Amino acid sequence: MTAPNNIASKKALSSGPIGVFDSGVGGVSVLKHIRTLLPHEHLLYVADSRYAPYGNKSVAEIQARCFAIADFLIAQGAKVLVVACNTATAAAIDALREKYSLPIIGMEPAVKPAAEASKNGIIGILATVGTLQSAQFAALLESHGRNVEVVTQACPGLVECIERGEVASQTTRELLVKFCAPLLAEGVDTVVLGCTHYPFVRALISEVLGPKVVLVDTGAAVAKQLKTRLAEVGLLSAVNQAGQVRFWTNSAAADAPAVMASLWGQAAEVSTF
């Protein structure tokens, strides 16, 4: 009698939602890739905007936030967690996997594909201070950056602009002009968007860098990795209808739900976390 019960239990678990979180709204860029690749999955998204950006937080602070959000998402029935934040992945992914038994997918800057795509061997990386200073990033450079010149640029203030929904403002453009100048001076032909917030200003970045510079981010790769992992553990949804999407934010800004819906690109049910 145990086999049918196990099958029923597995089926019930596979119908559970995918939990995704970030230090703020940036991970919505990853959520969009997940939605495209896995349209039948239910999705939960938490924006920890009150504590954004994570880039200037200590490892202990970031881990504490990740644990709090993981507990919340698991309480909502999440069958898998996606840490849609490069800084949080670097600081907390190992601790999360040690503490929780469910599958956990993380992010990392796309150094390897950028190095492979570059024609002149000079790549740039736009990221937060926390990501650039992490041991994980150092290991990425050691593994995949040996045969290319890597120009890194921290982007303080950019996440905050995107959190406010300022994806095409003059302030945001001026920041990008300043951050991209060192990359252009070094002659980069490929640039990694090393923060999940940055794809939302991709058009501005491309405008500043020019059409000959290729931009690389990891959202699509993370969605593919998630699908593969769910298939491996038998947790892909068997339901043949569009999954539901729910959002939470702890932002104090009155327009936070509107910003979330704008970045998502359609109406969004946004609750307080």
Protein backbone atom coordinates (compact mmCIF):
# COMPACT_ATOMS: atom_id res chain seq x y z
CA MET A 1 0.00 0.00 0.00
CA THR A 2 2.99 2.34 0.34
CA ALA A 3 3.64 2.77 -3.38
CA PRO A 4 0.29 4.42 -4.21
CA ASN A 5 0.66 6.66 -1.18
CA ASN A 6 4.14 7.67 -2.28
CA ILE A 7 2.89 8.39 -5.80
CA ALA A 8 0.05 10.50 -4.46
CA SER A 9 2.42 12.35 -2.16
CA LYS A 10 4.85 13.05 -5.01
CA LYS A 11 1.99 14.26 -7.21
CA ALA A 12 0.78 16.61 -4.48
CA LEU A 13 4.31 17.94 -3.97
CA SER A 14 4.85 18.46 -7.71
CA SER A 15 1.77 20.69 -7.83
CA GLY A 16 3.34 23.02 -5.26
CA PRO A 17 4.70 26.45 -6.23
CA ILE A 18 8.22 27.58 -7.07
CA GLY A 19 9.52 30.12 -4.56
CA VAL A 20 11.70 32.92 -5.96
CA PHE A 21 13.26 35.80 -4.06
CA ASP A 22 15.67 38.69 -4.38
CA SER A 23 16.85 41.66 -2.35
CA GLY A 24 14.18 43.62 -4.23
CA VAL A 25 12.36 43.69 -7.54
CA GLY A 26 15.37 42.66 -9.65
CA GLY A 27 14.59 38.96 -9.50
CA VAL A 28 11.40 39.63 -11.45
CA SER A 29 13.70 39.59 -14.50
CA VAL A 30 14.50 35.95 -13.66
CA LEU A 31 10.85 35.21 -12.85
CA LYS A 32 9.90 36.24 -16.37
CA HIS A 33 12.28 33.66 -17.85
CA ILE A 34 10.88 31.01 -15.49
CA ARG A 35 7.32 31.89 -16.48
CA THR A 36 8.20 31.61 -20.18
CA LEU A 37 9.91 28.23 -19.81
CA LEU A 38 7.56 26.75 -17.19
CA PRO A 39 4.14 28.31 -17.87
CA HIS A 40 2.21 25.65 -15.92
CA GLU A 41 4.08 26.16 -12.65
CA HIS A 42 2.67 28.24 -9.79
CA LEU A 43 5.15 30.97 -8.84
CA LEU A 44 5.74 32.87 -5.59
CA TYR A 45 7.97 35.94 -5.54
CA VAL A 46 9.31 37.85 -2.52
CA ALA A 47 10.99 41.23 -2.93
CA ASP A 48 13.04 42.03 0.17
CA SER A 49 13.09 45.68 -0.86
CA ARG A 50 13.29 47.10 2.66
CA TYR A 51 16.79 45.62 2.88
CA ALA A 52 17.91 46.37 -0.69
CA PRO A 53 20.56 46.40 -1.86
CA TYR A 54 22.29 43.37 -0.33
CA GLY A 55 25.58 44.51 -1.82
CA ASN A 56 26.47 46.66 1.20
CA LYS A 57 25.33 44.12 3.83
CA SER A 58 27.50 41.68 5.77
CA VAL A 59 27.40 37.95 5.03
CA ALA A 60 25.64 37.35 8.36
CA GLU A 61 22.97 39.94 7.54
CA ILE A 62 22.35 38.50 4.09
CA GLN A 63 22.11 34.95 5.42
CA ALA A 64 19.62 36.05 8.08
CA ARG A 65 17.41 37.65 5.42
CA CYS A 66 17.65 34.58 3.19
CA PHE A 67 16.66 32.26 6.06
CA ALA A 68 13.68 34.45 6.93
CA ILE A 69 12.44 34.51 3.34
CA ALA A 70 13.08 30.79 2.81
CA ASP A 71 11.04 29.99 5.92
CA PHE A 72 8.20 32.17 4.60
CA LEU A 73 8.19 30.62 1.12
CA ILE A 74 8.37 27.07 2.49
CA ALA A 75 5.41 27.91 4.75
CA GLN A 76 3.56 28.89 1.54
CA GLY A 77 4.24 25.39 0.19
CA ALA A 78 7.26 26.08 -2.05
CA LYS A 79 8.70 22.86 -3.52
CA VAL A 80 11.91 24.54 -4.68
CA LEU A 81 13.66 27.84 -4.03
CA VAL A 82 15.36 30.12 -6.55
CA VAL A 83 17.75 32.67 -5.08
CA ALA A 84 17.38 35.25 -7.84
CA CYS A 85 20.20 37.43 -6.57
CA ASN A 86 23.92 37.16 -7.30
CA THR A 87 24.96 38.68 -3.97
CA ALA A 88 22.62 36.48 -1.93
CA THR A 89 23.79 33.39 -3.83
CA ALA A 90 27.43 34.21 -3.09
CA ALA A 91 26.77 34.89 0.59
CA ALA A 92 24.13 32.33 1.49
CA ILE A 93 23.60 29.51 -1.03
CA ASP A 94 25.78 27.00 0.85
CA ALA A 95 24.15 27.85 4.19
CA LEU A 96 20.68 27.54 2.64
CA ARG A 97 21.44 24.14 1.15
CA GLU A 98 22.82 22.95 4.46
CA LYS A 99 19.73 24.07 6.38
CA TYR A 100 16.94 23.05 3.95
CA SER A 101 16.35 19.75 2.16
CA LEU A 102 14.41 21.04 -0.86
CA PRO A 103 16.21 21.90 -4.14
CA ILE A 104 17.75 25.39 -4.17
CA ILE A 105 18.87 27.11 -7.38
CA GLY A 106 21.24 30.08 -7.28
CA MET A 107 22.68 32.73 -9.58
CA GLU A 108 26.16 33.65 -10.68
CA PRO A 109 27.50 36.31 -13.07
CA ALA A 110 27.80 34.95 -16.62
CA VAL A 111 31.59 35.14 -16.80
CA LYS A 112 32.00 31.91 -18.76
CA PRO A 113 29.49 32.67 -21.57
CA ALA A 114 30.81 36.24 -21.79
CA ALA A 115 34.38 34.99 -22.15
CA GLU A 116 33.24 32.57 -24.86
CA ALA A 117 31.26 35.28 -26.68
CA SER A 118 34.00 37.93 -26.65
CA LYS A 119 35.86 38.40 -29.90
CA ASN A 120 38.63 40.67 -28.64
CA GLY A 121 39.11 39.00 -25.25
CA ILE A 122 38.05 42.02 -23.18
CA ILE A 123 34.88 41.65 -21.12
CA GLY A 124 33.23 44.00 -18.64
CA ILE A 125 31.17 43.15 -15.58
CA LEU A 126 28.60 45.47 -14.03
CA ALA A 127 27.64 44.27 -10.55
CA THR A 128 27.10 45.24 -6.94
CA VAL A 129 30.01 45.67 -4.54
CA GLY A 130 28.93 42.55 -2.65
CA THR A 131 29.06 40.37 -5.74
CA LEU A 132 32.41 41.68 -6.93
CA GLN A 133 34.01 41.18 -3.51
CA SER A 134 32.64 37.66 -2.98
CA ALA A 135 34.72 34.50 -2.91
CA GLN A 136 32.33 32.98 -5.44
CA PHE A 137 33.10 35.73 -7.93
CA ALA A 138 36.83 35.32 -7.37
CA ALA A 139 36.44 31.61 -8.10
CA LEU A 140 34.50 32.39 -11.30
CA LEU A 141 37.30 34.63 -12.52
CA GLU A 142 39.86 32.00 -11.64
CA SER A 143 37.95 29.31 -13.55
CA HIS A 144 36.67 31.21 -16.57
CA GLY A 145 38.50 34.53 -16.74
CA ARG A 146 42.06 33.38 -17.26
CA ASN A 147 42.12 33.82 -21.02
CA VAL A 148 40.37 37.17 -21.14
CA GLU A 149 40.88 40.63 -19.71
CA VAL A 150 38.14 41.36 -17.19
CA VAL A 151 37.10 44.92 -16.34
CA THR A 152 34.84 45.09 -13.28
CA GLN A 153 32.64 48.01 -12.28
CA ALA A 154 30.57 48.35 -9.14
CA CYS A 155 27.32 50.29 -9.63
CA PRO A 156 26.27 51.91 -6.32
CA GLY A 157 22.89 53.60 -6.54
CA LEU A 158 21.69 51.75 -9.64
CA VAL A 159 19.65 49.15 -7.76
CA GLU A 160 17.92 51.92 -5.83
CA CYS A 161 16.88 53.63 -9.08
CA ILE A 162 15.37 50.42 -10.40
CA GLU A 163 13.61 49.77 -7.09
CA ARG A 164 11.85 53.10 -7.66
CA GLY A 165 10.87 52.03 -11.15
CA GLU A 166 13.22 54.56 -12.76
CA VAL A 167 14.26 52.38 -15.68
CA ALA A 168 14.47 55.22 -18.22
CA SER A 169 15.08 58.32 -16.12
CA GLN A 170 17.82 60.87 -16.65
CA THR A 171 19.27 60.06 -13.22
CA THR A 172 19.59 56.38 -14.13
CA ARG A 173 21.13 57.23 -17.49
CA GLU A 174 23.72 59.51 -15.88
CA LEU A 175 24.70 56.74 -13.48
CA LEU A 176 25.11 54.31 -16.37
CA VAL A 177 27.20 56.76 -18.36
CA LYS A 178 29.54 57.02 -15.36
CA PHE A 179 29.67 53.26 -14.74
CA CYS A 180 30.13 52.31 -18.39
CA ALA A 181 32.89 54.84 -19.12
CA PRO A 182 35.73 52.70 -17.65
CA LEU A 183 34.50 49.69 -19.62
CA LEU A 184 34.44 51.64 -22.88
CA ALA A 185 37.88 53.06 -22.13
CA GLU A 186 39.26 49.52 -21.91
CA GLY A 187 37.60 48.49 -25.18
CA VAL A 188 35.21 45.80 -23.91
CA ASP A 189 33.12 44.05 -26.55
CA THR A 190 31.01 42.00 -24.13
CA VAL A 191 29.44 43.07 -20.81
CA VAL A 192 27.95 40.90 -18.09
CA LEU A 193 24.86 42.20 -16.31
CA GLY A 194 25.94 40.87 -12.92
CA CYS A 195 22.82 41.82 -10.96
CA THR A 196 19.26 40.67 -11.60
CA HIS A 197 18.06 44.28 -11.41
CA TYR A 198 20.17 45.36 -14.37
CA PRO A 199 18.20 43.66 -17.21
CA PHE A 200 15.46 46.20 -16.52
CA VAL A 201 17.80 48.95 -17.73
CA ARG A 202 19.24 46.85 -20.53
CA ALA A 203 18.02 49.30 -23.17
CA LEU A 204 19.79 52.20 -21.47
CA ILE A 205 22.98 50.20 -20.98
CA SER A 206 22.97 49.20 -24.63
CA GLU A 207 22.41 52.81 -25.65
CA VAL A 208 25.37 53.98 -23.54
CA LEU A 209 27.73 51.17 -24.60
CA GLY A 210 26.74 51.19 -28.25
CA PRO A 211 25.37 48.48 -30.56
CA LYS A 212 28.68 46.65 -30.98
CA VAL A 213 28.87 45.63 -27.31
CA VAL A 214 27.10 42.35 -26.49
CA LEU A 215 25.18 42.19 -23.20
CA VAL A 216 24.94 38.91 -21.27
CA ASP A 217 22.73 37.99 -18.32
CA THR A 218 21.88 34.65 -16.70
CA GLY A 219 18.09 34.68 -16.32
CA ALA A 220 17.38 32.24 -19.14
CA ALA A 221 20.15 29.88 -18.02
CA VAL A 222 18.76 29.83 -14.46
CA ALA A 223 15.28 28.98 -15.76
CA LYS A 224 16.74 26.09 -17.78
CA GLN A 225 18.69 24.86 -14.76
CA LEU A 226 15.52 25.02 -12.66
CA LYS A 227 13.55 22.98 -15.20
CA THR A 228 16.30 20.37 -15.37
CA ARG A 229 16.49 20.10 -11.59
CA LEU A 230 12.72 19.77 -11.20
CA ALA A 231 12.71 17.01 -13.82
CA GLU A 232 15.55 15.19 -12.06
CA VAL A 233 13.65 15.03 -8.76
CA GLY A 234 10.23 14.42 -10.31
CA LEU A 235 8.72 17.76 -9.29
CA LEU A 236 7.66 19.24 -12.63
CA SER A 237 4.01 20.21 -12.56
CA ALA A 238 1.71 17.79 -14.37
CA VAL A 239 -1.09 20.35 -14.59
CA ASN A 240 -1.85 21.51 -18.13
CA GLN A 241 -3.06 25.04 -17.37
CA ALA A 242 -1.45 28.38 -16.69
CA GLY A 243 0.10 28.63 -13.26
CA GLN A 244 -0.76 31.37 -10.80
CA VAL A 245 1.74 34.05 -9.78
CA ARG A 246 1.78 35.80 -6.40
CA PHE A 247 4.04 38.61 -5.22
CA TRP A 248 5.08 39.94 -1.82
CA THR A 249 7.11 43.01 -0.91
CA ASN A 250 8.19 44.66 2.34
CA SER A 251 8.92 47.98 0.65
CA ALA A 252 7.76 51.06 2.52
CA ALA A 253 7.11 52.88 -0.77
CA ALA A 254 3.43 53.48 -1.52
CA ASP A 255 3.96 52.76 -5.21
CA ALA A 256 5.81 49.46 -4.66
CA PRO A 257 2.95 47.31 -6.02
CA ALA A 258 2.71 49.53 -9.11
CA VAL A 259 6.47 49.28 -9.70
CA MET A 260 6.27 45.49 -9.36
CA ALA A 261 3.42 45.25 -11.84
CA SER A 262 5.22 47.56 -14.25
CA LEU A 263 8.37 45.43 -14.21
CA TRP A 264 6.34 42.23 -14.45
CA GLY A 265 4.54 43.68 -17.45
CA GLN A 266 1.00 42.83 -16.40
CA ALA A 267 -1.39 43.05 -13.47
CA ALA A 268 0.11 41.58 -10.31
CA GLU A 269 -1.36 40.54 -6.97
CA VAL A 270 1.10 42.10 -4.50
CA SER A 271 0.84 41.44 -0.77
CA THR A 272 2.86 42.72 2.19
CA PHE A 273 5.67 40.53 3.45
